[in-house]
Every structure is written in structure tokens, then in C-alpha cells.
Amino acid sequence: MRVVKKWLLNFHVDKCKCMHLGYNNLHHKYNMTSDEKNIPLEEVQVEKDLGVWISANMKPSLQCQKAASKAKSVLGIIKRSFQNLDKKSFLLLYKIYVRPHLEFCVQTWSPYLERVQRRATKMVQVLRNRSYDDRLKILNLNTLEQRRLHGDMIETYKLITEILILSSSLRRLLTIALEVIL
């Protein structure tokens, strides 16, 4: 707490919470000092941080429910606002307003969210009676899983190339350092 006072880093105790993780957790009570008062921290089972819902059991179901719910509500607004959607209009609305909710922080729990995309593609009247795969092909969309894999491959490529660039830079740096030393 000395560092907090020295650097004038004031914590808002009412915003600080405690979440006990794990099954064998002893659920200790934690306190924070504010204005020389010892204030117990509120214990929570669920908390939203940086747009992601986290629960004490660390299961992603709540995040999935929230993301799917938000995407479905946006789909509902689109459905009420537009009676007949053609392919081009649907793609524009879907990519701008719905898909971001399905892709934000969902690397591990997206199979649950594929259903929302499946439902969304049925909004194009002429595609309603087609299979999901056919609708995706006609709309030139990928499954959310395919989009995630593509994103993962891009990130992997970035990491590998950065390591190669970094390793060649390190080699040069070490060569220069050895020349200076020797």
C-alpha cells in the first residue's frame, strides 16, 4: 500500500471485487484499506471485464449466451426493419452489425454461436429453403470456425515471421557485440 500512496494510485474500493476460482478454494475474505478504514471486498460469481463475461467456474457458457443474445437482438432489429432482404443487403448488414458480436473474444466457445449465423442466413428470402452449406456458398461466407482458423493461421504466420526477423536481428546484434568485445 506504500507504493499506492507514494504514486497517488487511488483505488475505488466499491469497484474492487473478489471472485473465488476453483473447486477447492477456501473462500477467504479479502479487505482493502481506504481512508484508514478496512473495507471487505464484495464477492461475486460473475464479472464482466474488457467486454468478456467471466464466471467463477470458468466455463464459457455465460459469454456464449451474452454474445448470442446480442447477435440475435441485432438480427431481430434487422428483420423488423427490412421485409425482403436481397443477398447484397443482407451481407452488408450481417457483416457490419451481427458478425462482430459472434467473433468478439470467442476463440474457444464459438460452436455455440454457429447457430446464430445459421439462422441469420435464412433471412435472405430466396435462400430460406436451401441447406446451410448452400446458403454459405451462395452468400460467399465461411463458417465461424473457418474464419477463426484463417485468423489463427494469420497470427501463426505473423509469429513465425517475427521470430525469424527477430532471430536474424539478434544474430546481427550478437555479431556486433562480439566484434566490440574481441
N, C-alpha and C. Protein backbone atom coordinates (compact mmCIF):
# COMPACT_ATOMS: atom_id res chain seq x y z
N MET A 1 0.82 -1.19 0.00
CA MET A 1 0.00 0.00 0.00
C MET A 1 0.87 1.26 0.00
N ARG A 2 2.14 1.12 0.40
CA ARG A 2 3.01 2.30 0.37
C ARG A 2 3.20 2.81 -1.05
N VAL A 3 3.33 1.90 -1.99
CA VAL A 3 3.51 2.29 -3.39
C VAL A 3 2.27 3.04 -3.88
N VAL A 4 1.10 2.56 -3.49
CA VAL A 4 -0.15 3.20 -3.89
C VAL A 4 -0.18 4.64 -3.41
N LYS A 5 0.20 4.86 -2.16
CA LYS A 5 0.20 6.22 -1.61
C LYS A 5 1.30 7.07 -2.23
N LYS A 6 2.47 6.47 -2.41
CA LYS A 6 3.60 7.22 -2.96
C LYS A 6 3.29 7.73 -4.37
N TRP A 7 2.72 6.89 -5.19
CA TRP A 7 2.43 7.25 -6.58
C TRP A 7 1.02 7.80 -6.76
N LEU A 8 0.30 8.00 -5.68
CA LEU A 8 -1.06 8.55 -5.71
C LEU A 8 -2.00 7.72 -6.58
N LEU A 9 -1.90 6.41 -6.44
CA LEU A 9 -2.76 5.49 -7.18
C LEU A 9 -3.94 5.12 -6.29
N ASN A 10 -5.00 5.86 -6.39
CA ASN A 10 -6.15 5.60 -5.54
C ASN A 10 -7.05 4.54 -6.16
N PHE A 11 -7.38 3.53 -5.37
CA PHE A 11 -8.31 2.51 -5.80
C PHE A 11 -9.70 2.90 -5.32
N HIS A 12 -10.71 2.62 -6.17
CA HIS A 12 -12.09 2.79 -5.74
C HIS A 12 -12.52 1.45 -5.17
N VAL A 13 -12.61 1.39 -3.88
CA VAL A 13 -12.89 0.12 -3.22
C VAL A 13 -14.23 -0.45 -3.67
N ASP A 14 -15.21 0.42 -3.98
CA ASP A 14 -16.53 -0.10 -4.40
C ASP A 14 -16.43 -0.79 -5.76
N LYS A 15 -15.39 -0.47 -6.55
CA LYS A 15 -15.23 -1.10 -7.86
C LYS A 15 -14.39 -2.37 -7.78
N CYS A 16 -13.75 -2.60 -6.67
CA CYS A 16 -12.91 -3.80 -6.49
C CYS A 16 -13.77 -4.95 -5.98
N LYS A 17 -13.62 -6.09 -6.61
CA LYS A 17 -14.43 -7.26 -6.23
C LYS A 17 -13.53 -8.48 -6.13
N CYS A 18 -14.03 -9.51 -5.51
CA CYS A 18 -13.28 -10.74 -5.33
C CYS A 18 -14.08 -11.90 -5.93
N MET A 19 -13.40 -12.67 -6.79
CA MET A 19 -14.03 -13.86 -7.35
C MET A 19 -13.17 -15.06 -6.98
N HIS A 20 -13.76 -16.02 -6.32
CA HIS A 20 -13.04 -17.22 -5.91
C HIS A 20 -13.11 -18.25 -7.03
N LEU A 21 -11.96 -18.66 -7.53
CA LEU A 21 -11.89 -19.62 -8.63
C LEU A 21 -11.49 -20.99 -8.11
N GLY A 22 -12.01 -22.03 -8.75
CA GLY A 22 -11.63 -23.39 -8.39
C GLY A 22 -12.58 -24.01 -7.39
N TYR A 23 -12.56 -25.33 -7.38
CA TYR A 23 -13.48 -26.07 -6.52
C TYR A 23 -12.98 -26.18 -5.08
N ASN A 24 -11.67 -26.20 -4.89
CA ASN A 24 -11.11 -26.38 -3.55
C ASN A 24 -10.73 -25.05 -2.91
N ASN A 25 -11.27 -23.97 -3.42
CA ASN A 25 -10.96 -22.66 -2.89
C ASN A 25 -11.56 -22.49 -1.50
N LEU A 26 -10.79 -21.93 -0.59
CA LEU A 26 -11.25 -21.79 0.80
C LEU A 26 -12.13 -20.58 1.03
N HIS A 27 -12.32 -19.74 0.02
CA HIS A 27 -13.18 -18.56 0.09
C HIS A 27 -12.82 -17.63 1.25
N HIS A 28 -11.56 -17.27 1.30
CA HIS A 28 -11.13 -16.30 2.31
C HIS A 28 -11.79 -14.97 2.06
N LYS A 29 -11.93 -14.20 3.09
CA LYS A 29 -12.47 -12.84 2.98
C LYS A 29 -11.30 -11.89 2.76
N TYR A 30 -11.42 -10.98 1.79
CA TYR A 30 -10.37 -10.03 1.49
C TYR A 30 -10.86 -8.62 1.77
N ASN A 31 -9.94 -7.80 2.26
CA ASN A 31 -10.25 -6.42 2.61
C ASN A 31 -9.29 -5.47 1.91
N MET A 32 -9.74 -4.24 1.72
CA MET A 32 -8.87 -3.17 1.22
C MET A 32 -8.98 -2.01 2.18
N THR A 33 -7.89 -1.29 2.30
CA THR A 33 -7.88 -0.13 3.19
C THR A 33 -8.15 1.12 2.37
N SER A 34 -9.11 1.87 2.80
CA SER A 34 -9.45 3.13 2.14
C SER A 34 -9.70 4.17 3.23
N ASP A 35 -8.95 5.26 3.16
CA ASP A 35 -9.07 6.31 4.18
C ASP A 35 -8.93 5.73 5.59
N GLU A 36 -7.93 4.87 5.73
CA GLU A 36 -7.63 4.23 7.00
C GLU A 36 -8.76 3.33 7.52
N LYS A 37 -9.71 2.99 6.66
CA LYS A 37 -10.78 2.06 7.03
C LYS A 37 -10.54 0.75 6.30
N ASN A 38 -10.80 -0.34 6.98
CA ASN A 38 -10.67 -1.67 6.40
C ASN A 38 -12.03 -2.08 5.82
N ILE A 39 -12.13 -2.13 4.51
CA ILE A 39 -13.41 -2.40 3.86
C ILE A 39 -13.36 -3.78 3.19
N PRO A 40 -14.32 -4.67 3.50
CA PRO A 40 -14.33 -6.00 2.87
C PRO A 40 -14.71 -5.89 1.39
N LEU A 41 -14.06 -6.69 0.56
CA LEU A 41 -14.36 -6.70 -0.87
C LEU A 41 -15.61 -7.53 -1.13
N GLU A 42 -16.41 -7.06 -2.06
CA GLU A 42 -17.62 -7.77 -2.45
C GLU A 42 -17.22 -9.05 -3.19
N GLU A 43 -17.86 -10.16 -2.84
CA GLU A 43 -17.60 -11.43 -3.52
C GLU A 43 -18.62 -11.60 -4.63
N VAL A 44 -18.12 -11.97 -5.82
CA VAL A 44 -19.01 -12.15 -6.98
C VAL A 44 -18.78 -13.51 -7.62
N GLN A 45 -19.79 -13.99 -8.30
CA GLN A 45 -19.69 -15.25 -9.05
C GLN A 45 -19.47 -14.99 -10.54
N VAL A 46 -19.87 -13.79 -10.98
CA VAL A 46 -19.79 -13.42 -12.40
C VAL A 46 -19.33 -11.98 -12.49
N GLU A 47 -18.46 -11.70 -13.46
CA GLU A 47 -17.98 -10.33 -13.65
C GLU A 47 -17.66 -10.12 -15.13
N LYS A 48 -17.91 -8.90 -15.59
CA LYS A 48 -17.58 -8.54 -16.97
C LYS A 48 -16.31 -7.71 -16.95
N ASP A 49 -15.31 -8.14 -17.74
CA ASP A 49 -14.05 -7.42 -17.80
C ASP A 49 -13.60 -7.35 -19.25
N LEU A 50 -13.34 -6.15 -19.73
CA LEU A 50 -12.92 -5.92 -21.12
C LEU A 50 -13.88 -6.55 -22.12
N GLY A 51 -15.17 -6.50 -21.79
CA GLY A 51 -16.19 -7.00 -22.71
C GLY A 51 -16.42 -8.49 -22.66
N VAL A 52 -15.73 -9.19 -21.77
CA VAL A 52 -15.87 -10.64 -21.68
C VAL A 52 -16.45 -10.99 -20.32
N TRP A 53 -17.47 -11.83 -20.33
CA TRP A 53 -18.09 -12.29 -19.09
C TRP A 53 -17.30 -13.47 -18.54
N ILE A 54 -16.91 -13.37 -17.28
CA ILE A 54 -16.13 -14.41 -16.62
C ILE A 54 -16.93 -14.90 -15.43
N SER A 55 -17.02 -16.22 -15.29
CA SER A 55 -17.74 -16.78 -14.14
C SER A 55 -16.75 -17.54 -13.27
N ALA A 56 -17.13 -17.75 -12.03
CA ALA A 56 -16.25 -18.40 -11.07
C ALA A 56 -15.91 -19.83 -11.48
N ASN A 57 -16.79 -20.49 -12.22
CA ASN A 57 -16.49 -21.85 -12.65
C ASN A 57 -15.66 -21.89 -13.94
N MET A 58 -15.37 -20.71 -14.51
CA MET A 58 -14.52 -20.54 -15.69
C MET A 58 -15.08 -21.23 -16.94
N LYS A 59 -16.37 -21.50 -16.95
CA LYS A 59 -16.99 -22.09 -18.14
C LYS A 59 -17.47 -20.96 -19.04
N PRO A 60 -17.37 -21.15 -20.34
CA PRO A 60 -17.69 -20.07 -21.28
C PRO A 60 -19.18 -19.89 -21.59
N SER A 61 -20.05 -20.67 -20.96
CA SER A 61 -21.46 -20.65 -21.34
C SER A 61 -22.10 -19.27 -21.19
N LEU A 62 -21.77 -18.52 -20.16
CA LEU A 62 -22.36 -17.20 -19.98
C LEU A 62 -21.93 -16.25 -21.10
N GLN A 63 -20.65 -16.27 -21.46
CA GLN A 63 -20.15 -15.43 -22.55
C GLN A 63 -20.87 -15.80 -23.85
N CYS A 64 -21.06 -17.09 -24.08
CA CYS A 64 -21.76 -17.55 -25.29
C CYS A 64 -23.20 -17.04 -25.30
N GLN A 65 -23.87 -17.17 -24.18
CA GLN A 65 -25.26 -16.72 -24.08
C GLN A 65 -25.36 -15.22 -24.35
N LYS A 66 -24.46 -14.45 -23.76
CA LYS A 66 -24.49 -13.00 -23.94
C LYS A 66 -24.20 -12.61 -25.38
N ALA A 67 -23.19 -13.23 -25.98
CA ALA A 67 -22.83 -12.91 -27.36
C ALA A 67 -23.96 -13.32 -28.32
N ALA A 68 -24.51 -14.52 -28.12
CA ALA A 68 -25.60 -14.98 -28.97
C ALA A 68 -26.83 -14.11 -28.79
N SER A 69 -27.12 -13.74 -27.56
CA SER A 69 -28.27 -12.90 -27.28
C SER A 69 -28.16 -11.54 -27.97
N LYS A 70 -26.99 -10.95 -27.89
CA LYS A 70 -26.77 -9.65 -28.52
C LYS A 70 -26.89 -9.77 -30.04
N ALA A 71 -26.27 -10.80 -30.62
CA ALA A 71 -26.35 -11.01 -32.06
C ALA A 71 -27.79 -11.26 -32.50
N LYS A 72 -28.54 -12.05 -31.71
CA LYS A 72 -29.93 -12.33 -32.05
C LYS A 72 -30.78 -11.07 -31.96
N SER A 73 -30.52 -10.22 -30.98
CA SER A 73 -31.30 -8.99 -30.87
C SER A 73 -31.03 -8.07 -32.06
N VAL A 74 -29.78 -8.01 -32.52
CA VAL A 74 -29.46 -7.21 -33.70
C VAL A 74 -30.13 -7.81 -34.93
N LEU A 75 -30.12 -9.15 -35.03
CA LEU A 75 -30.82 -9.81 -36.13
C LEU A 75 -32.31 -9.48 -36.12
N GLY A 76 -32.89 -9.46 -34.93
CA GLY A 76 -34.31 -9.12 -34.80
C GLY A 76 -34.60 -7.71 -35.29
N ILE A 77 -33.72 -6.78 -34.95
CA ILE A 77 -33.89 -5.40 -35.41
C ILE A 77 -33.82 -5.34 -36.93
N ILE A 78 -32.85 -6.06 -37.50
CA ILE A 78 -32.72 -6.09 -38.96
C ILE A 78 -33.97 -6.70 -39.59
N LYS A 79 -34.46 -7.78 -39.01
CA LYS A 79 -35.63 -8.47 -39.56
C LYS A 79 -36.87 -7.57 -39.51
N ARG A 80 -37.04 -6.83 -38.42
CA ARG A 80 -38.18 -5.93 -38.31
C ARG A 80 -38.06 -4.72 -39.22
N SER A 81 -36.82 -4.31 -39.49
CA SER A 81 -36.61 -3.11 -40.29
C SER A 81 -36.64 -3.35 -41.79
N PHE A 82 -36.33 -4.57 -42.21
CA PHE A 82 -36.26 -4.89 -43.64
C PHE A 82 -37.12 -6.11 -43.92
N GLN A 83 -38.15 -5.92 -44.74
CA GLN A 83 -39.07 -7.02 -45.05
C GLN A 83 -38.42 -8.07 -45.95
N ASN A 84 -37.89 -7.65 -47.09
CA ASN A 84 -37.27 -8.57 -48.04
C ASN A 84 -35.81 -8.16 -48.25
N LEU A 85 -34.92 -9.01 -47.81
CA LEU A 85 -33.50 -8.72 -47.96
C LEU A 85 -32.95 -9.46 -49.17
N ASP A 86 -32.27 -8.73 -50.03
CA ASP A 86 -31.56 -9.41 -51.10
C ASP A 86 -30.17 -9.80 -50.59
N LYS A 87 -29.46 -10.55 -51.38
CA LYS A 87 -28.15 -11.08 -50.98
C LYS A 87 -27.18 -9.96 -50.58
N LYS A 88 -27.09 -8.93 -51.40
CA LYS A 88 -26.13 -7.85 -51.17
C LYS A 88 -26.45 -7.08 -49.89
N SER A 89 -27.72 -6.75 -49.69
CA SER A 89 -28.13 -6.01 -48.49
C SER A 89 -27.90 -6.84 -47.23
N PHE A 90 -28.26 -8.13 -47.32
CA PHE A 90 -28.06 -9.00 -46.16
C PHE A 90 -26.59 -9.05 -45.77
N LEU A 91 -25.72 -9.29 -46.76
CA LEU A 91 -24.29 -9.40 -46.47
C LEU A 91 -23.76 -8.13 -45.82
N LEU A 92 -24.17 -6.99 -46.33
CA LEU A 92 -23.72 -5.73 -45.77
C LEU A 92 -24.16 -5.59 -44.31
N LEU A 93 -25.43 -5.81 -44.05
CA LEU A 93 -25.97 -5.68 -42.68
C LEU A 93 -25.37 -6.74 -41.74
N TYR A 94 -25.27 -7.97 -42.22
CA TYR A 94 -24.76 -9.06 -41.40
C TYR A 94 -23.30 -8.81 -41.01
N LYS A 95 -22.47 -8.47 -42.00
CA LYS A 95 -21.04 -8.29 -41.73
C LYS A 95 -20.77 -7.09 -40.83
N ILE A 96 -21.59 -6.07 -40.92
CA ILE A 96 -21.36 -4.86 -40.12
C ILE A 96 -21.94 -4.98 -38.72
N TYR A 97 -23.17 -5.51 -38.61
CA TYR A 97 -23.88 -5.43 -37.33
C TYR A 97 -23.98 -6.73 -36.54
N VAL A 98 -23.90 -7.87 -37.19
CA VAL A 98 -24.11 -9.13 -36.46
C VAL A 98 -22.81 -9.87 -36.22
N ARG A 99 -22.03 -10.09 -37.26
CA ARG A 99 -20.83 -10.91 -37.14
C ARG A 99 -19.85 -10.42 -36.08
N PRO A 100 -19.66 -9.12 -35.90
CA PRO A 100 -18.72 -8.70 -34.83
C PRO A 100 -19.11 -9.23 -33.45
N HIS A 101 -20.40 -9.37 -33.18
CA HIS A 101 -20.82 -9.92 -31.88
C HIS A 101 -20.49 -11.40 -31.78
N LEU A 102 -20.50 -12.09 -32.91
CA LEU A 102 -20.22 -13.52 -32.91
C LEU A 102 -18.73 -13.81 -32.86
N GLU A 103 -17.91 -12.83 -33.22
CA GLU A 103 -16.47 -13.08 -33.30
C GLU A 103 -15.66 -12.44 -32.17
N PHE A 104 -16.25 -11.58 -31.38
CA PHE A 104 -15.50 -10.91 -30.33
C PHE A 104 -15.21 -11.86 -29.18
N CYS A 105 -13.93 -12.13 -28.96
CA CYS A 105 -13.48 -12.97 -27.82
C CYS A 105 -14.16 -14.32 -27.77
N VAL A 106 -14.27 -14.99 -28.91
CA VAL A 106 -14.97 -16.27 -28.92
C VAL A 106 -14.12 -17.40 -29.48
N GLN A 107 -12.83 -17.34 -29.29
CA GLN A 107 -11.94 -18.34 -29.88
C GLN A 107 -12.24 -19.75 -29.40
N THR A 108 -12.71 -19.91 -28.20
CA THR A 108 -12.89 -21.26 -27.67
C THR A 108 -14.33 -21.74 -27.62
N TRP A 109 -15.28 -20.85 -27.68
CA TRP A 109 -16.64 -21.30 -27.47
C TRP A 109 -17.57 -21.04 -28.66
N SER A 110 -17.03 -20.88 -29.83
CA SER A 110 -17.84 -20.49 -30.96
C SER A 110 -18.80 -21.53 -31.53
N PRO A 111 -18.62 -22.84 -31.34
CA PRO A 111 -19.61 -23.76 -31.91
C PRO A 111 -21.04 -23.41 -31.48
N TYR A 112 -21.17 -22.89 -30.29
CA TYR A 112 -22.47 -22.47 -29.77
C TYR A 112 -23.04 -21.34 -30.63
N LEU A 113 -22.16 -20.49 -31.15
CA LEU A 113 -22.60 -19.31 -31.88
C LEU A 113 -22.86 -19.56 -33.36
N GLU A 114 -22.45 -20.70 -33.86
CA GLU A 114 -22.67 -21.02 -35.28
C GLU A 114 -24.16 -21.04 -35.58
N ARG A 115 -24.97 -21.41 -34.60
CA ARG A 115 -26.42 -21.45 -34.79
C ARG A 115 -27.00 -20.09 -35.14
N VAL A 116 -26.40 -19.03 -34.58
CA VAL A 116 -26.89 -17.68 -34.87
C VAL A 116 -26.63 -17.36 -36.34
N GLN A 117 -25.45 -17.70 -36.85
CA GLN A 117 -25.15 -17.45 -38.26
C GLN A 117 -26.07 -18.30 -39.15
N ARG A 118 -26.31 -19.53 -38.73
CA ARG A 118 -27.21 -20.42 -39.48
C ARG A 118 -28.58 -19.77 -39.62
N ARG A 119 -29.06 -19.22 -38.51
CA ARG A 119 -30.38 -18.56 -38.50
C ARG A 119 -30.35 -17.29 -39.34
N ALA A 120 -29.26 -16.55 -39.26
CA ALA A 120 -29.15 -15.28 -39.98
C ALA A 120 -29.20 -15.49 -41.49
N THR A 121 -28.55 -16.55 -41.97
CA THR A 121 -28.52 -16.75 -43.42
C THR A 121 -29.90 -17.09 -43.98
N LYS A 122 -30.82 -17.51 -43.13
CA LYS A 122 -32.19 -17.80 -43.58
C LYS A 122 -33.00 -16.52 -43.83
N MET A 123 -32.44 -15.38 -43.45
CA MET A 123 -33.16 -14.12 -43.63
C MET A 123 -33.24 -13.70 -45.09
N VAL A 124 -32.37 -14.22 -45.93
CA VAL A 124 -32.45 -13.94 -47.37
C VAL A 124 -33.54 -14.84 -47.92
N GLN A 125 -34.63 -14.22 -48.35
CA GLN A 125 -35.85 -14.94 -48.74
C GLN A 125 -35.61 -16.06 -49.74
N VAL A 126 -34.83 -15.81 -50.77
CA VAL A 126 -34.65 -16.81 -51.83
C VAL A 126 -33.78 -17.99 -51.37
N LEU A 127 -33.11 -17.86 -50.25
CA LEU A 127 -32.23 -18.93 -49.76
C LEU A 127 -32.84 -19.73 -48.61
N ARG A 128 -34.02 -19.35 -48.18
CA ARG A 128 -34.61 -19.93 -46.98
C ARG A 128 -34.68 -21.45 -46.98
N ASN A 129 -35.00 -22.04 -48.11
CA ASN A 129 -35.21 -23.49 -48.18
C ASN A 129 -33.96 -24.26 -48.58
N ARG A 130 -32.84 -23.60 -48.66
CA ARG A 130 -31.58 -24.27 -49.02
C ARG A 130 -30.88 -24.75 -47.75
N SER A 131 -29.92 -25.65 -47.92
CA SER A 131 -29.14 -26.13 -46.78
C SER A 131 -28.19 -25.03 -46.32
N TYR A 132 -27.71 -25.15 -45.11
CA TYR A 132 -26.80 -24.16 -44.55
C TYR A 132 -25.54 -24.02 -45.40
N ASP A 133 -24.97 -25.15 -45.81
CA ASP A 133 -23.77 -25.11 -46.64
C ASP A 133 -24.03 -24.40 -47.96
N ASP A 134 -25.18 -24.67 -48.58
CA ASP A 134 -25.53 -23.99 -49.83
C ASP A 134 -25.67 -22.49 -49.61
N ARG A 135 -26.35 -22.12 -48.53
CA ARG A 135 -26.53 -20.69 -48.24
C ARG A 135 -25.18 -20.00 -48.08
N LEU A 136 -24.25 -20.66 -47.37
CA LEU A 136 -22.92 -20.07 -47.18
C LEU A 136 -22.20 -19.91 -48.52
N LYS A 137 -22.28 -20.92 -49.37
CA LYS A 137 -21.62 -20.85 -50.68
C LYS A 137 -22.19 -19.72 -51.52
N ILE A 138 -23.51 -19.64 -51.57
CA ILE A 138 -24.16 -18.61 -52.39
C ILE A 138 -23.84 -17.21 -51.86
N LEU A 139 -23.81 -17.07 -50.53
CA LEU A 139 -23.51 -15.76 -49.93
C LEU A 139 -22.02 -15.48 -49.86
N ASN A 140 -21.22 -16.48 -50.24
CA ASN A 140 -19.77 -16.36 -50.18
C ASN A 140 -19.29 -16.07 -48.75
N LEU A 141 -19.87 -16.79 -47.80
CA LEU A 141 -19.49 -16.68 -46.39
C LEU A 141 -18.81 -17.98 -45.96
N ASN A 142 -18.01 -17.90 -44.94
CA ASN A 142 -17.42 -19.08 -44.32
C ASN A 142 -18.10 -19.34 -42.99
N THR A 143 -17.97 -20.56 -42.49
CA THR A 143 -18.45 -20.82 -41.14
C THR A 143 -17.59 -20.02 -40.19
N LEU A 144 -18.10 -19.79 -38.99
CA LEU A 144 -17.32 -19.05 -38.00
C LEU A 144 -16.04 -19.81 -37.65
N GLU A 145 -16.13 -21.13 -37.65
CA GLU A 145 -14.95 -21.94 -37.36
C GLU A 145 -13.88 -21.74 -38.43
N GLN A 146 -14.28 -21.71 -39.70
CA GLN A 146 -13.32 -21.48 -40.77
C GLN A 146 -12.69 -20.10 -40.65
N ARG A 147 -13.48 -19.11 -40.30
CA ARG A 147 -12.95 -17.75 -40.13
C ARG A 147 -11.93 -17.72 -38.98
N ARG A 148 -12.24 -18.44 -37.91
CA ARG A 148 -11.32 -18.50 -36.77
C ARG A 148 -10.01 -19.17 -37.15
N LEU A 149 -10.12 -20.29 -37.89
CA LEU A 149 -8.92 -20.99 -38.33
C LEU A 149 -8.07 -20.11 -39.24
N HIS A 150 -8.71 -19.38 -40.12
CA HIS A 150 -8.00 -18.46 -41.01
C HIS A 150 -7.27 -17.39 -40.18
N GLY A 151 -7.97 -16.84 -39.20
CA GLY A 151 -7.35 -15.85 -38.31
C GLY A 151 -6.19 -16.43 -37.53
N ASP A 152 -6.35 -17.68 -37.07
CA ASP A 152 -5.27 -18.34 -36.33
C ASP A 152 -4.05 -18.55 -37.22
N MET A 153 -4.29 -18.92 -38.48
CA MET A 153 -3.17 -19.11 -39.41
C MET A 153 -2.44 -17.80 -39.67
N ILE A 154 -3.19 -16.72 -39.79
CA ILE A 154 -2.56 -15.41 -39.99
C ILE A 154 -1.70 -15.05 -38.79
N GLU A 155 -2.24 -15.24 -37.58
CA GLU A 155 -1.48 -14.92 -36.37
C GLU A 155 -0.24 -15.80 -36.24
N THR A 156 -0.38 -17.09 -36.59
CA THR A 156 0.77 -18.01 -36.55
C THR A 156 1.84 -17.55 -37.52
N TYR A 157 1.43 -17.17 -38.72
CA TYR A 157 2.38 -16.66 -39.72
C TYR A 157 3.11 -15.42 -39.19
N LYS A 158 2.34 -14.52 -38.58
CA LYS A 158 2.96 -13.31 -38.02
C LYS A 158 3.99 -13.67 -36.96
N LEU A 159 3.64 -14.61 -36.08
CA LEU A 159 4.57 -15.02 -35.03
C LEU A 159 5.83 -15.63 -35.61
N ILE A 160 5.66 -16.54 -36.57
CA ILE A 160 6.82 -17.22 -37.16
C ILE A 160 7.72 -16.23 -37.88
N THR A 161 7.13 -15.37 -38.69
CA THR A 161 7.96 -14.41 -39.43
C THR A 161 8.61 -13.42 -38.47
N GLU A 162 7.91 -13.05 -37.42
CA GLU A 162 8.50 -12.13 -36.43
C GLU A 162 9.67 -12.81 -35.73
N ILE A 163 9.54 -14.09 -35.42
CA ILE A 163 10.64 -14.82 -34.79
C ILE A 163 11.83 -14.88 -35.74
N LEU A 164 11.56 -15.16 -37.02
CA LEU A 164 12.65 -15.20 -37.99
C LEU A 164 13.34 -13.85 -38.12
N ILE A 165 12.54 -12.79 -38.19
CA ILE A 165 13.10 -11.44 -38.27
C ILE A 165 13.88 -11.15 -37.00
N LEU A 166 13.28 -11.48 -35.87
CA LEU A 166 13.93 -11.23 -34.58
C LEU A 166 15.22 -12.03 -34.48
N SER A 167 15.20 -13.29 -34.91
CA SER A 167 16.40 -14.11 -34.78
C SER A 167 17.53 -13.57 -35.68
N SER A 168 17.20 -13.10 -36.89
CA SER A 168 18.25 -12.53 -37.73
C SER A 168 18.77 -11.23 -37.13
N SER A 169 17.88 -10.44 -36.53
CA SER A 169 18.31 -9.21 -35.86
C SER A 169 19.20 -9.53 -34.66
N LEU A 170 18.82 -10.56 -33.91
CA LEU A 170 19.62 -10.96 -32.76
C LEU A 170 20.99 -11.45 -33.21
N ARG A 171 21.04 -12.20 -34.32
CA ARG A 171 22.31 -12.67 -34.85
C ARG A 171 23.23 -11.49 -35.17
N ARG A 172 22.64 -10.48 -35.86
CA ARG A 172 23.44 -9.29 -36.18
C ARG A 172 23.92 -8.58 -34.93
N LEU A 173 23.02 -8.46 -33.96
CA LEU A 173 23.36 -7.78 -32.71
C LEU A 173 24.47 -8.53 -31.98
N LEU A 174 24.36 -9.86 -31.92
CA LEU A 174 25.39 -10.65 -31.26
C LEU A 174 26.73 -10.56 -32.00
N THR A 175 26.68 -10.55 -33.34
CA THR A 175 27.89 -10.42 -34.12
C THR A 175 28.59 -9.10 -33.82
N ILE A 176 27.80 -8.03 -33.79
CA ILE A 176 28.36 -6.69 -33.48
C ILE A 176 28.93 -6.69 -32.06
N ALA A 177 28.18 -7.26 -31.11
CA ALA A 177 28.66 -7.29 -29.72
C ALA A 177 29.96 -8.07 -29.60
N LEU A 178 30.06 -9.21 -30.30
CA LEU A 178 31.29 -9.99 -30.26
C LEU A 178 32.47 -9.24 -30.87
N GLU A 179 32.21 -8.50 -31.96
CA GLU A 179 33.27 -7.72 -32.58
C GLU A 179 33.78 -6.65 -31.63
N VAL A 180 32.84 -6.04 -30.92
CA VAL A 180 33.25 -4.98 -29.98
C VAL A 180 34.06 -5.57 -28.83
N ILE A 181 33.62 -6.72 -28.33
CA ILE A 181 34.32 -7.35 -27.20
C ILE A 181 35.71 -7.85 -27.63
N LEU A 182 35.77 -8.49 -28.78
CA LEU A 182 37.02 -9.08 -29.21
C LEU A 182 37.87 -8.01 -29.83
